[in-house]
């Protein structure tokens, strides 16, 4: 599963709770970066980071995938 720019924006502006703590920590970091510079290049970079994480840990993120898919 790859997240879109729109889903990334919702993740970065939302307050969702995820089961995988490492994913929540990464989102906290990305939210801070995005709040300082909400430009398109930052959004694209955050999307790439999220997709790379999801690709690597997809096997243990089934529940979190369901939440992300609803965005």
C-alpha atoms as a PDB file:
ATOM      1  CA  UNK A   1       0.000   0.000   0.000  1.00  0.00           C
ATOM      2  CA  UNK A   2       1.239   3.437  -0.911  1.00  0.00           C
ATOM      3  CA  UNK A   3      -0.232   6.539   0.652  1.00  0.00           C
ATOM      4  CA  UNK A   4      -1.214   9.456  -1.538  1.00  0.00           C
ATOM      5  CA  UNK A   5      -0.336  13.094  -0.958  1.00  0.00           C
ATOM      6  CA  UNK A   6      -3.884  13.674   0.312  1.00  0.00           C
ATOM      7  CA  UNK A   7      -3.613  10.798   2.800  1.00  0.00           C
ATOM      8  CA  UNK A   8      -0.229  12.053   3.935  1.00  0.00           C
ATOM      9  CA  UNK A   9      -1.634  15.512   4.514  1.00  0.00           C
ATOM     10  CA  UNK A  10      -4.447  14.019   6.617  1.00  0.00           C
ATOM     11  CA  UNK A  11      -1.923  11.968   8.594  1.00  0.00           C
ATOM     12  CA  UNK A  12       0.233  15.040   9.210  1.00  0.00           C
ATOM     13  CA  UNK A  13      -2.695  17.194  10.294  1.00  0.00           C
ATOM     14  CA  UNK A  14      -4.659  14.548  12.191  1.00  0.00           C
ATOM     15  CA  UNK A  15      -4.467  12.912  15.588  1.00  0.00           C
ATOM     16  CA  UNK A  16      -4.833   9.248  14.685  1.00  0.00           C
ATOM     17  CA  UNK A  17      -3.551   6.590  17.069  1.00  0.00           C
ATOM     18  CA  UNK A  18      -1.562   3.707  15.614  1.00  0.00           C
ATOM     19  CA  UNK A  19      -0.640   0.375  17.187  1.00  0.00           C
ATOM     20  CA  UNK A  20       2.940   0.416  15.913  1.00  0.00           C
ATOM     21  CA  UNK A  21       4.751   2.847  18.198  1.00  0.00           C
ATOM     22  CA  UNK A  22       7.638   3.381  15.778  1.00  0.00           C
ATOM     23  CA  UNK A  23       5.183   4.588  13.109  1.00  0.00           C
ATOM     24  CA  UNK A  24       3.624   7.025  15.580  1.00  0.00           C
ATOM     25  CA  UNK A  25       7.064   8.352  16.472  1.00  0.00           C
ATOM     26  CA  UNK A  26       7.960   8.847  12.824  1.00  0.00           C
ATOM     27  CA  UNK A  27       4.672  10.688  12.226  1.00  0.00           C
ATOM     28  CA  UNK A  28       5.370  12.976  15.176  1.00  0.00           C
ATOM     29  CA  UNK A  29       8.705  13.903  13.635  1.00  0.00           C
ATOM     30  CA  UNK A  30       7.169  14.434  10.188  1.00  0.00           C
ATOM     31  CA  UNK A  31       4.339  16.534  11.663  1.00  0.00           C
ATOM     32  CA  UNK A  32       6.908  18.837  13.189  1.00  0.00           C
ATOM     33  CA  UNK A  33       8.757  19.200   9.882  1.00  0.00           C
ATOM     34  CA  UNK A  34       5.514  19.821   8.011  1.00  0.00           C
ATOM     35  CA  UNK A  35       4.274  22.394  10.536  1.00  0.00           C
ATOM     36  CA  UNK A  36       7.484  24.393  10.033  1.00  0.00           C
ATOM     37  CA  UNK A  37       7.325  24.190   6.218  1.00  0.00           C
ATOM     38  CA  UNK A  38       3.941  23.128   4.766  1.00  0.00           C
ATOM     39  CA  UNK A  39       5.157  23.309   1.165  1.00  0.00           C
ATOM     40  CA  UNK A  40       4.630  20.783  -1.628  1.00  0.00           C
ATOM     41  CA  UNK A  41       8.261  19.538  -1.556  1.00  0.00           C
ATOM     42  CA  UNK A  42       7.964  18.851   2.189  1.00  0.00           C
ATOM     43  CA  UNK A  43       4.703  16.988   1.631  1.00  0.00           C
ATOM     44  CA  UNK A  44       6.332  14.920  -1.125  1.00  0.00           C
ATOM     45  CA  UNK A  45       9.300  14.116   1.129  1.00  0.00           C
ATOM     46  CA  UNK A  46       6.992  13.084   3.995  1.00  0.00           C
ATOM     47  CA  UNK A  47       4.965  10.906   1.622  1.00  0.00           C
ATOM     48  CA  UNK A  48       8.137   9.178   0.435  1.00  0.00           C
ATOM     49  CA  UNK A  49       9.270   8.584   4.038  1.00  0.00           C
ATOM     50  CA  UNK A  50       5.889   7.150   5.042  1.00  0.00           C
ATOM     51  CA  UNK A  51       5.751   4.895   1.987  1.00  0.00           C
ATOM     52  CA  UNK A  52       9.271   3.622   2.639  1.00  0.00           C
ATOM     53  CA  UNK A  53       8.347   2.805   6.235  1.00  0.00           C
ATOM     54  CA  UNK A  54       5.113   1.093   5.210  1.00  0.00           C
ATOM     55  CA  UNK A  55       6.928  -0.962   2.586  1.00  0.00           C
ATOM     56  CA  UNK A  56       9.483  -2.151   5.118  1.00  0.00           C
ATOM     57  CA  UNK A  57       7.044  -2.961   7.935  1.00  0.00           C
ATOM     58  CA  UNK A  58       3.880  -3.911   6.023  1.00  0.00           C
ATOM     59  CA  UNK A  59       3.727  -7.374   7.577  1.00  0.00           C
ATOM     60  CA  UNK A  60       3.237  -6.062  11.117  1.00  0.00           C
ATOM     61  CA  UNK A  61       1.023  -3.087  10.269  1.00  0.00           C
ATOM     62  CA  UNK A  62      -2.204  -4.764   9.099  1.00  0.00           C
ATOM     63  CA  UNK A  63      -4.392  -2.969  11.657  1.00  0.00           C
ATOM     64  CA  UNK A  64      -2.775   0.376  10.951  1.00  0.00           C
ATOM     65  CA  UNK A  65      -3.192  -0.134   7.189  1.00  0.00           C
ATOM     66  CA  UNK A  66      -6.941  -0.370   7.730  1.00  0.00           C
ATOM     67  CA  UNK A  67      -6.949   2.983   9.510  1.00  0.00           C
ATOM     68  CA  UNK A  68      -4.797   4.653   6.856  1.00  0.00           C
ATOM     69  CA  UNK A  69      -6.977   3.279   4.039  1.00  0.00           C
ATOM     70  CA  UNK A  70      -9.991   5.054   5.554  1.00  0.00           C
ATOM     71  CA  UNK A  71      -8.351   8.476   5.183  1.00  0.00           C
END
